[in-house]
Amino acid sequence: MVNTNKIAEIRDCYCAVLNAEVVFENHMMCFMTYDDDHHRRAFMTPPGGVTEKPINSAGLMHTAFIFPDLRNLLDHYTCLKPLGIAP
């Protein structure tokens, strides 16, 4: 989920770039997908709007990755482990 004060602009951009479709939208949130998953991108304007953040702060609230099955996830972990990347 990404916080924004410009849901409509971001929605239109992602719909165009990813050929995504909106699966739910109201005045505070927009969920969209570009495949069979229930949603791939989500945008939200929190109550009071988004305020300016300090330069060193992060803005991404949530992201998710999907693997076809547990075997693929474990195989991917096996490739990342030698690089020092662990869950």
PDB file of N, CA and C in Angstrom:
ATOM      1  N   MET A   1       0.850  -1.173   0.000  1.00  0.00           N
ATOM      2  CA  MET A   1       0.000   0.000   0.000  1.00  0.00           C
ATOM      3  C   MET A   1       0.895   1.235   0.000  1.00  0.00           C
ATOM      4  N   VAL A   2       0.504   2.215  -0.756  1.00  0.00           N
ATOM      5  CA  VAL A   2       1.222   3.474  -0.840  1.00  0.00           C
ATOM      6  C   VAL A   2       0.286   4.595  -0.411  1.00  0.00           C
ATOM      7  N   ASN A   3       0.760   5.434   0.497  1.00  0.00           N
ATOM      8  CA  ASN A   3      -0.003   6.615   0.907  1.00  0.00           C
ATOM      9  C   ASN A   3       0.175   7.719  -0.121  1.00  0.00           C
ATOM     10  N   THR A   4      -0.901   8.392  -0.455  1.00  0.00           N
ATOM     11  CA  THR A   4      -0.844   9.479  -1.425  1.00  0.00           C
ATOM     12  C   THR A   4      -2.030  10.409  -1.245  1.00  0.00           C
ATOM     13  N   ASN A   5      -1.852  11.640  -1.651  1.00  0.00           N
ATOM     14  CA  ASN A   5      -2.962  12.587  -1.718  1.00  0.00           C
ATOM     15  C   ASN A   5      -3.530  12.654  -3.138  1.00  0.00           C
ATOM     16  N   LYS A   6      -2.969  11.843  -4.050  1.00  0.00           N
ATOM     17  CA  LYS A   6      -3.339  11.914  -5.465  1.00  0.00           C
ATOM     18  C   LYS A   6      -3.768  10.548  -6.001  1.00  0.00           C
ATOM     19  N   ILE A   7      -4.740   9.940  -5.351  1.00  0.00           N
ATOM     20  CA  ILE A   7      -5.173   8.597  -5.746  1.00  0.00           C
ATOM     21  C   ILE A   7      -5.596   8.551  -7.215  1.00  0.00           C
ATOM     22  N   ALA A   8      -6.397   9.487  -7.665  1.00  0.00           N
ATOM     23  CA  ALA A   8      -6.904   9.448  -9.045  1.00  0.00           C
ATOM     24  C   ALA A   8      -5.766   9.509 -10.060  1.00  0.00           C
ATOM     25  N   GLU A   9      -4.782  10.363  -9.828  1.00  0.00           N
ATOM     26  CA  GLU A   9      -3.662  10.480 -10.764  1.00  0.00           C
ATOM     27  C   GLU A   9      -2.827   9.200 -10.798  1.00  0.00           C
ATOM     28  N   ILE A  10      -2.549   8.641  -9.619  1.00  0.00           N
ATOM     29  CA  ILE A  10      -1.757   7.412  -9.561  1.00  0.00           C
ATOM     30  C   ILE A  10      -2.548   6.251 -10.157  1.00  0.00           C
ATOM     31  N   ARG A  11      -3.839   6.176  -9.858  1.00  0.00           N
ATOM     32  CA  ARG A  11      -4.702   5.136 -10.426  1.00  0.00           C
ATOM     33  C   ARG A  11      -4.638   5.171 -11.946  1.00  0.00           C
ATOM     34  N   ASP A  12      -4.825   6.342 -12.520  1.00  0.00           N
ATOM     35  CA  ASP A  12      -4.836   6.469 -13.979  1.00  0.00           C
ATOM     36  C   ASP A  12      -3.492   6.072 -14.583  1.00  0.00           C
ATOM     37  N   CYS A  13      -2.409   6.427 -13.925  1.00  0.00           N
ATOM     38  CA  CYS A  13      -1.069   6.098 -14.409  1.00  0.00           C
ATOM     39  C   CYS A  13      -0.850   4.583 -14.397  1.00  0.00           C
ATOM     40  N   TYR A  14      -1.135   3.933 -13.268  1.00  0.00           N
ATOM     41  CA  TYR A  14      -0.946   2.488 -13.183  1.00  0.00           C
ATOM     42  C   TYR A  14      -1.887   1.739 -14.116  1.00  0.00           C
ATOM     43  N   CYS A  15      -3.097   2.211 -14.285  1.00  0.00           N
ATOM     44  CA  CYS A  15      -4.015   1.573 -15.226  1.00  0.00           C
ATOM     45  C   CYS A  15      -3.442   1.620 -16.640  1.00  0.00           C
ATOM     46  N   ALA A  16      -2.855   2.746 -17.008  1.00  0.00           N
ATOM     47  CA  ALA A  16      -2.276   2.891 -18.347  1.00  0.00           C
ATOM     48  C   ALA A  16      -0.992   2.084 -18.507  1.00  0.00           C
ATOM     49  N   VAL A  17      -0.074   2.199 -17.549  1.00  0.00           N
ATOM     50  CA  VAL A  17       1.244   1.558 -17.672  1.00  0.00           C
ATOM     51  C   VAL A  17       1.152   0.044 -17.539  1.00  0.00           C
ATOM     52  N   LEU A  18       0.377  -0.446 -16.576  1.00  0.00           N
ATOM     53  CA  LEU A  18       0.297  -1.882 -16.313  1.00  0.00           C
ATOM     54  C   LEU A  18      -0.928  -2.552 -16.931  1.00  0.00           C
ATOM     55  N   ASN A  19      -1.748  -1.755 -17.611  1.00  0.00           N
ATOM     56  CA  ASN A  19      -3.015  -2.266 -18.123  1.00  0.00           C
ATOM     57  C   ASN A  19      -3.827  -2.879 -16.980  1.00  0.00           C
ATOM     58  N   ALA A  20      -3.782  -2.203 -15.835  1.00  0.00           N
ATOM     59  CA  ALA A  20      -4.461  -2.681 -14.627  1.00  0.00           C
ATOM     60  C   ALA A  20      -5.912  -2.240 -14.629  1.00  0.00           C
ATOM     61  N   GLU A  21      -6.693  -2.916 -13.788  1.00  0.00           N
ATOM     62  CA  GLU A  21      -8.084  -2.529 -13.608  1.00  0.00           C
ATOM     63  C   GLU A  21      -8.367  -2.346 -12.127  1.00  0.00           C
ATOM     64  N   VAL A  22      -9.222  -1.421 -11.819  1.00  0.00           N
ATOM     65  CA  VAL A  22      -9.609  -1.141 -10.444  1.00  0.00           C
ATOM     66  C   VAL A  22     -10.592  -2.223  -9.996  1.00  0.00           C
ATOM     67  N   VAL A  23     -10.306  -2.822  -8.821  1.00  0.00           N
ATOM     68  CA  VAL A  23     -11.211  -3.831  -8.275  1.00  0.00           C
ATOM     69  C   VAL A  23     -12.015  -3.290  -7.092  1.00  0.00           C
ATOM     70  N   PHE A  24     -11.549  -2.212  -6.486  1.00  0.00           N
ATOM     71  CA  PHE A  24     -12.299  -1.526  -5.435  1.00  0.00           C
ATOM     72  C   PHE A  24     -11.751  -0.116  -5.322  1.00  0.00           C
ATOM     73  N   GLU A  25     -12.666   0.846  -5.132  1.00  0.00           N
ATOM     74  CA  GLU A  25     -12.231   2.231  -4.955  1.00  0.00           C
ATOM     75  C   GLU A  25     -13.299   2.993  -4.182  1.00  0.00           C
ATOM     76  N   ASN A  26     -12.846   3.827  -3.272  1.00  0.00           N
ATOM     77  CA  ASN A  26     -13.721   4.803  -2.627  1.00  0.00           C
ATOM     78  C   ASN A  26     -12.916   6.089  -2.465  1.00  0.00           C
ATOM     79  N   HIS A  27     -13.381   7.035  -1.681  1.00  0.00           N
ATOM     80  CA  HIS A  27     -12.701   8.323  -1.583  1.00  0.00           C
ATOM     81  C   HIS A  27     -11.360   8.237  -0.846  1.00  0.00           C
ATOM     82  N   MET A  28     -11.083   7.121  -0.157  1.00  0.00           N
ATOM     83  CA  MET A  28      -9.834   6.986   0.596  1.00  0.00           C
ATOM     84  C   MET A  28      -8.886   5.917   0.060  1.00  0.00           C
ATOM     85  N   MET A  29      -9.399   4.955  -0.723  1.00  0.00           N
ATOM     86  CA  MET A  29      -8.571   3.827  -1.148  1.00  0.00           C
ATOM     87  C   MET A  29      -8.860   3.420  -2.581  1.00  0.00           C
ATOM     88  N   CYS A  30      -7.847   2.809  -3.180  1.00  0.00           N
ATOM     89  CA  CYS A  30      -8.005   2.233  -4.509  1.00  0.00           C
ATOM     90  C   CYS A  30      -7.164   0.961  -4.573  1.00  0.00           C
ATOM     91  N   PHE A  31      -7.810  -0.153  -4.940  1.00  0.00           N
ATOM     92  CA  PHE A  31      -7.124  -1.421  -5.120  1.00  0.00           C
ATOM     93  C   PHE A  31      -7.234  -1.797  -6.585  1.00  0.00           C
ATOM     94  N   MET A  32      -6.136  -2.260  -7.172  1.00  0.00           N
ATOM     95  CA  MET A  32      -6.152  -2.632  -8.586  1.00  0.00           C
ATOM     96  C   MET A  32      -5.338  -3.889  -8.819  1.00  0.00           C
ATOM     97  N   THR A  33      -5.613  -4.532  -9.943  1.00  0.00           N
ATOM     98  CA  THR A  33      -4.882  -5.735 -10.315  1.00  0.00           C
ATOM     99  C   THR A  33      -4.647  -5.741 -11.818  1.00  0.00           C
ATOM    100  N   TYR A  34      -3.724  -6.581 -12.245  1.00  0.00           N
ATOM    101  CA  TYR A  34      -3.460  -6.765 -13.673  1.00  0.00           C
ATOM    102  C   TYR A  34      -3.409  -8.249 -14.023  1.00  0.00           C
ATOM    103  N   ASP A  35      -3.898  -9.089 -13.093  1.00  0.00           N
ATOM    104  CA  ASP A  35      -3.983 -10.521 -13.357  1.00  0.00           C
ATOM    105  C   ASP A  35      -5.140 -11.102 -12.531  1.00  0.00           C
ATOM    106  N   ASP A  36      -5.082 -12.371 -12.190  1.00  0.00           N
ATOM    107  CA  ASP A  36      -6.176 -13.010 -11.462  1.00  0.00           C
ATOM    108  C   ASP A  36      -6.132 -12.790  -9.954  1.00  0.00           C
ATOM    109  N   ASP A  37      -5.087 -12.149  -9.445  1.00  0.00           N
ATOM    110  CA  ASP A  37      -4.994 -11.918  -8.010  1.00  0.00           C
ATOM    111  C   ASP A  37      -5.991 -10.845  -7.582  1.00  0.00           C
ATOM    112  N   HIS A  38      -6.424 -10.894  -6.333  1.00  0.00           N
ATOM    113  CA  HIS A  38      -7.445  -9.947  -5.858  1.00  0.00           C
ATOM    114  C   HIS A  38      -6.968  -8.503  -5.897  1.00  0.00           C
ATOM    115  N   HIS A  39      -5.679  -8.258  -5.688  1.00  0.00           N
ATOM    116  CA  HIS A  39      -5.119  -6.933  -5.936  1.00  0.00           C
ATOM    117  C   HIS A  39      -3.602  -7.031  -6.008  1.00  0.00           C
ATOM    118  N   ARG A  40      -3.005  -6.145  -6.773  1.00  0.00           N
ATOM    119  CA  ARG A  40      -1.545  -6.069  -6.906  1.00  0.00           C
ATOM    120  C   ARG A  40      -1.006  -4.731  -6.416  1.00  0.00           C
ATOM    121  N   ARG A  41      -1.792  -3.700  -6.518  1.00  0.00           N
ATOM    122  CA  ARG A  41      -1.398  -2.366  -6.062  1.00  0.00           C
ATOM    123  C   ARG A  41      -2.541  -1.788  -5.251  1.00  0.00           C
ATOM    124  N   ALA A  42      -2.176  -1.027  -4.228  1.00  0.00           N
ATOM    125  CA  ALA A  42      -3.187  -0.354  -3.416  1.00  0.00           C
ATOM    126  C   ALA A  42      -2.663   1.024  -3.027  1.00  0.00           C
ATOM    127  N   PHE A  43      -3.547   1.988  -3.049  1.00  0.00           N
ATOM    128  CA  PHE A  43      -3.217   3.366  -2.705  1.00  0.00           C
ATOM    129  C   PHE A  43      -4.231   3.864  -1.689  1.00  0.00           C
ATOM    130  N   MET A  44      -3.764   4.674  -0.750  1.00  0.00           N
ATOM    131  CA  MET A  44      -4.651   5.154   0.296  1.00  0.00           C
ATOM    132  C   MET A  44      -4.324   6.593   0.655  1.00  0.00           C
ATOM    133  N   THR A  45      -5.359   7.378   0.890  1.00  0.00           N
ATOM    134  CA  THR A  45      -5.204   8.694   1.486  1.00  0.00           C
ATOM    135  C   THR A  45      -5.684   8.562   2.928  1.00  0.00           C
ATOM    136  N   PRO A  46      -4.768   8.611   3.895  1.00  0.00           N
ATOM    137  CA  PRO A  46      -5.182   8.444   5.287  1.00  0.00           C
ATOM    138  C   PRO A  46      -5.991   9.649   5.768  1.00  0.00           C
ATOM    139  N   PRO A  47      -6.764   9.476   6.841  1.00  0.00           N
ATOM    140  CA  PRO A  47      -7.504  10.614   7.385  1.00  0.00           C
ATOM    141  C   PRO A  47      -6.568  11.790   7.637  1.00  0.00           C
ATOM    142  N   GLY A  48      -6.933  12.955   7.179  1.00  0.00           N
ATOM    143  CA  GLY A  48      -6.069  14.126   7.315  1.00  0.00           C
ATOM    144  C   GLY A  48      -5.084  14.287   6.177  1.00  0.00           C
ATOM    145  N   GLY A  49      -5.022  13.303   5.279  1.00  0.00           N
ATOM    146  CA  GLY A  49      -4.115  13.384   4.138  1.00  0.00           C
ATOM    147  C   GLY A  49      -2.698  12.972   4.476  1.00  0.00           C
ATOM    148  N   VAL A  50      -1.879  12.944   3.466  1.00  0.00           N
ATOM    149  CA  VAL A  50      -0.469  12.605   3.620  1.00  0.00           C
ATOM    150  C   VAL A  50       0.288  13.886   3.924  1.00  0.00           C
ATOM    151  N   THR A  51       1.089  13.844   4.968  1.00  0.00           N
ATOM    152  CA  THR A  51       1.894  15.007   5.326  1.00  0.00           C
ATOM    153  C   THR A  51       3.331  14.787   4.869  1.00  0.00           C
ATOM    154  N   GLU A  52       4.055  15.862   4.733  1.00  0.00           N
ATOM    155  CA  GLU A  52       5.447  15.781   4.306  1.00  0.00           C
ATOM    156  C   GLU A  52       6.249  14.980   5.317  1.00  0.00           C
ATOM    157  N   LYS A  53       7.104  14.104   4.813  1.00  0.00           N
ATOM    158  CA  LYS A  53       7.915  13.230   5.661  1.00  0.00           C
ATOM    159  C   LYS A  53       9.361  13.725   5.703  1.00  0.00           C
ATOM    160  N   PRO A  54      10.068  13.381   6.772  1.00  0.00           N
ATOM    161  CA  PRO A  54      11.502  13.696   6.806  1.00  0.00           C
ATOM    162  C   PRO A  54      12.215  13.030   5.629  1.00  0.00           C
ATOM    163  N   ILE A  55      13.300  13.608   5.192  1.00  0.00           N
ATOM    164  CA  ILE A  55      14.030  13.121   4.009  1.00  0.00           C
ATOM    165  C   ILE A  55      14.416  11.646   4.132  1.00  0.00           C
ATOM    166  N   ASN A  56      14.820  11.186   5.289  1.00  0.00           N
ATOM    167  CA  ASN A  56      15.292   9.810   5.445  1.00  0.00           C
ATOM    168  C   ASN A  56      14.190   8.813   5.776  1.00  0.00           C
ATOM    169  N   SER A  57      12.940   9.184   5.644  1.00  0.00           N
ATOM    170  CA  SER A  57      11.857   8.267   5.981  1.00  0.00           C
ATOM    171  C   SER A  57      11.409   7.476   4.755  1.00  0.00           C
ATOM    172  N   ALA A  58      10.740   6.365   5.017  1.00  0.00           N
ATOM    173  CA  ALA A  58      10.227   5.515   3.942  1.00  0.00           C
ATOM    174  C   ALA A  58       8.735   5.741   3.786  1.00  0.00           C
ATOM    175  N   GLY A  59       8.204   5.447   2.608  1.00  0.00           N
ATOM    176  CA  GLY A  59       6.789   5.662   2.368  1.00  0.00           C
ATOM    177  C   GLY A  59       6.014   4.409   2.032  1.00  0.00           C
ATOM    178  N   LEU A  60       6.680   3.323   1.703  1.00  0.00           N
ATOM    179  CA  LEU A  60       6.001   2.090   1.344  1.00  0.00           C
ATOM    180  C   LEU A  60       5.521   1.392   2.606  1.00  0.00           C
ATOM    181  N   MET A  61       4.213   1.085   2.651  1.00  0.00           N
ATOM    182  CA  MET A  61       3.644   0.459   3.840  1.00  0.00           C
ATOM    183  C   MET A  61       3.574  -1.060   3.725  1.00  0.00           C
ATOM    184  N   HIS A  62       3.391  -1.581   2.525  1.00  0.00           N
ATOM    185  CA  HIS A  62       3.208  -3.020   2.353  1.00  0.00           C
ATOM    186  C   HIS A  62       3.515  -3.401   0.919  1.00  0.00           C
ATOM    187  N   THR A  63       4.161  -4.542   0.759  1.00  0.00           N
ATOM    188  CA  THR A  63       4.327  -5.135  -0.557  1.00  0.00           C
ATOM    189  C   THR A  63       4.279  -6.647  -0.399  1.00  0.00           C
ATOM    190  N   ALA A  64       3.938  -7.352  -1.439  1.00  0.00           N
ATOM    191  CA  ALA A  64       3.835  -8.803  -1.362  1.00  0.00           C
ATOM    192  C   ALA A  64       4.391  -9.425  -2.632  1.00  0.00           C
ATOM    193  N   PHE A  65       4.938 -10.613  -2.481  1.00  0.00           N
ATOM    194  CA  PHE A  65       5.474 -11.361  -3.602  1.00  0.00           C
ATOM    195  C   PHE A  65       4.809 -12.727  -3.615  1.00  0.00           C
ATOM    196  N   ILE A  66       4.500 -13.213  -4.784  1.00  0.00           N
ATOM    197  CA  ILE A  66       3.793 -14.477  -4.905  1.00  0.00           C
ATOM    198  C   ILE A  66       4.670 -15.470  -5.663  1.00  0.00           C
ATOM    199  N   PHE A  67       4.764 -16.682  -5.112  1.00  0.00           N
ATOM    200  CA  PHE A  67       5.455 -17.783  -5.758  1.00  0.00           C
ATOM    201  C   PHE A  67       4.414 -18.850  -6.087  1.00  0.00           C
ATOM    202  N   PRO A  68       4.626 -19.591  -7.165  1.00  0.00           N
ATOM    203  CA  PRO A  68       3.621 -20.580  -7.575  1.00  0.00           C
ATOM    204  C   PRO A  68       3.355 -21.652  -6.511  1.00  0.00           C
ATOM    205  N   ASP A  69       4.399 -22.002  -5.737  1.00  0.00           N
ATOM    206  CA  ASP A  69       4.235 -23.025  -4.707  1.00  0.00           C
ATOM    207  C   ASP A  69       5.388 -22.922  -3.713  1.00  0.00           C
ATOM    208  N   LEU A  70       5.317 -23.696  -2.664  1.00  0.00           N
ATOM    209  CA  LEU A  70       6.329 -23.652  -1.612  1.00  0.00           C
ATOM    210  C   LEU A  70       7.701 -24.061  -2.137  1.00  0.00           C
ATOM    211  N   ARG A  71       7.756 -25.016  -3.042  1.00  0.00           N
ATOM    212  CA  ARG A  71       9.032 -25.475  -3.604  1.00  0.00           C
ATOM    213  C   ARG A  71       9.762 -24.311  -4.295  1.00  0.00           C
ATOM    214  N   ASN A  72       9.049 -23.513  -5.063  1.00  0.00           N
ATOM    215  CA  ASN A  72       9.654 -22.364  -5.740  1.00  0.00           C
ATOM    216  C   ASN A  72      10.171 -21.342  -4.731  1.00  0.00           C
ATOM    217  N   LEU A  73       9.421 -21.105  -3.679  1.00  0.00           N
ATOM    218  CA  LEU A  73       9.870 -20.178  -2.640  1.00  0.00           C
ATOM    219  C   LEU A  73      11.137 -20.695  -1.976  1.00  0.00           C
ATOM    220  N   LEU A  74      11.191 -21.976  -1.625  1.00  0.00           N
ATOM    221  CA  LEU A  74      12.374 -22.552  -0.982  1.00  0.00           C
ATOM    222  C   LEU A  74      13.573 -22.549  -1.920  1.00  0.00           C
ATOM    223  N   ASP A  75      13.357 -22.840  -3.194  1.00  0.00           N
ATOM    224  CA  ASP A  75      14.444 -22.780  -4.178  1.00  0.00           C
ATOM    225  C   ASP A  75      15.002 -21.367  -4.275  1.00  0.00           C
ATOM    226  N   HIS A  76      14.123 -20.388  -4.253  1.00  0.00           N
ATOM    227  CA  HIS A  76      14.568 -18.993  -4.321  1.00  0.00           C
ATOM    228  C   HIS A  76      15.383 -18.628  -3.084  1.00  0.00           C
ATOM    229  N   TYR A  77      14.923 -19.075  -1.917  1.00  0.00           N
ATOM    230  CA  TYR A  77      15.672 -18.838  -0.682  1.00  0.00           C
ATOM    231  C   TYR A  77      17.065 -19.455  -0.777  1.00  0.00           C
ATOM    232  N   THR A  78      17.171 -20.661  -1.337  1.00  0.00           N
ATOM    233  CA  THR A  78      18.459 -21.339  -1.484  1.00  0.00           C
ATOM    234  C   THR A  78      19.421 -20.508  -2.339  1.00  0.00           C
ATOM    235  N   CYS A  79      18.908 -19.841  -3.354  1.00  0.00           N
ATOM    236  CA  CYS A  79      19.744 -18.984  -4.207  1.00  0.00           C
ATOM    237  C   CYS A  79      20.171 -17.702  -3.482  1.00  0.00           C
ATOM    238  N   LEU A  80      19.319 -17.182  -2.623  1.00  0.00           N
ATOM    239  CA  LEU A  80      19.613 -15.926  -1.933  1.00  0.00           C
ATOM    240  C   LEU A  80      20.521 -16.104  -0.722  1.00  0.00           C
ATOM    241  N   LYS A  81      20.467 -17.251  -0.073  1.00  0.00           N
ATOM    242  CA  LYS A  81      21.216 -17.493   1.154  1.00  0.00           C
ATOM    243  C   LYS A  81      22.713 -17.234   0.992  1.00  0.00           C
ATOM    244  N   PRO A  82      23.374 -17.724  -0.085  1.00  0.00           N
ATOM    245  CA  PRO A  82      24.817 -17.460  -0.247  1.00  0.00           C
ATOM    246  C   PRO A  82      25.141 -15.962  -0.410  1.00  0.00           C
ATOM    247  N   LEU A  83      24.143 -15.173  -0.780  1.00  0.00           N
ATOM    248  CA  LEU A  83      24.343 -13.729  -0.932  1.00  0.00           C
ATOM    249  C   LEU A  83      24.169 -12.983   0.386  1.00  0.00           C
ATOM    250  N   GLY A  84      23.843 -13.739   1.447  1.00  0.00           N
ATOM    251  CA  GLY A  84      23.632 -13.123   2.752  1.00  0.00           C
ATOM    252  C   GLY A  84      22.252 -12.544   2.927  1.00  0.00           C
ATOM    253  N   ILE A  85      21.324 -12.919   2.042  1.00  0.00           N
ATOM    254  CA  ILE A  85      19.945 -12.423   2.132  1.00  0.00           C
ATOM    255  C   ILE A  85      19.095 -13.508   2.777  1.00  0.00           C
ATOM    256  N   ALA A  86      18.518 -13.178   3.932  1.00  0.00           N
ATOM    257  CA  ALA A  86      17.705 -14.139   4.668  1.00  0.00           C
ATOM    258  C   ALA A  86      16.373 -13.495   5.051  1.00  0.00           C
ATOM    259  N   PRO A  87      15.348 -14.339   5.228  1.00  0.00           N
ATOM    260  CA  PRO A  87      14.054 -13.768   5.635  1.00  0.00           C
ATOM    261  C   PRO A  87      14.115 -13.198   7.046  1.00  0.00           C
TER     262      PRO A  87
END
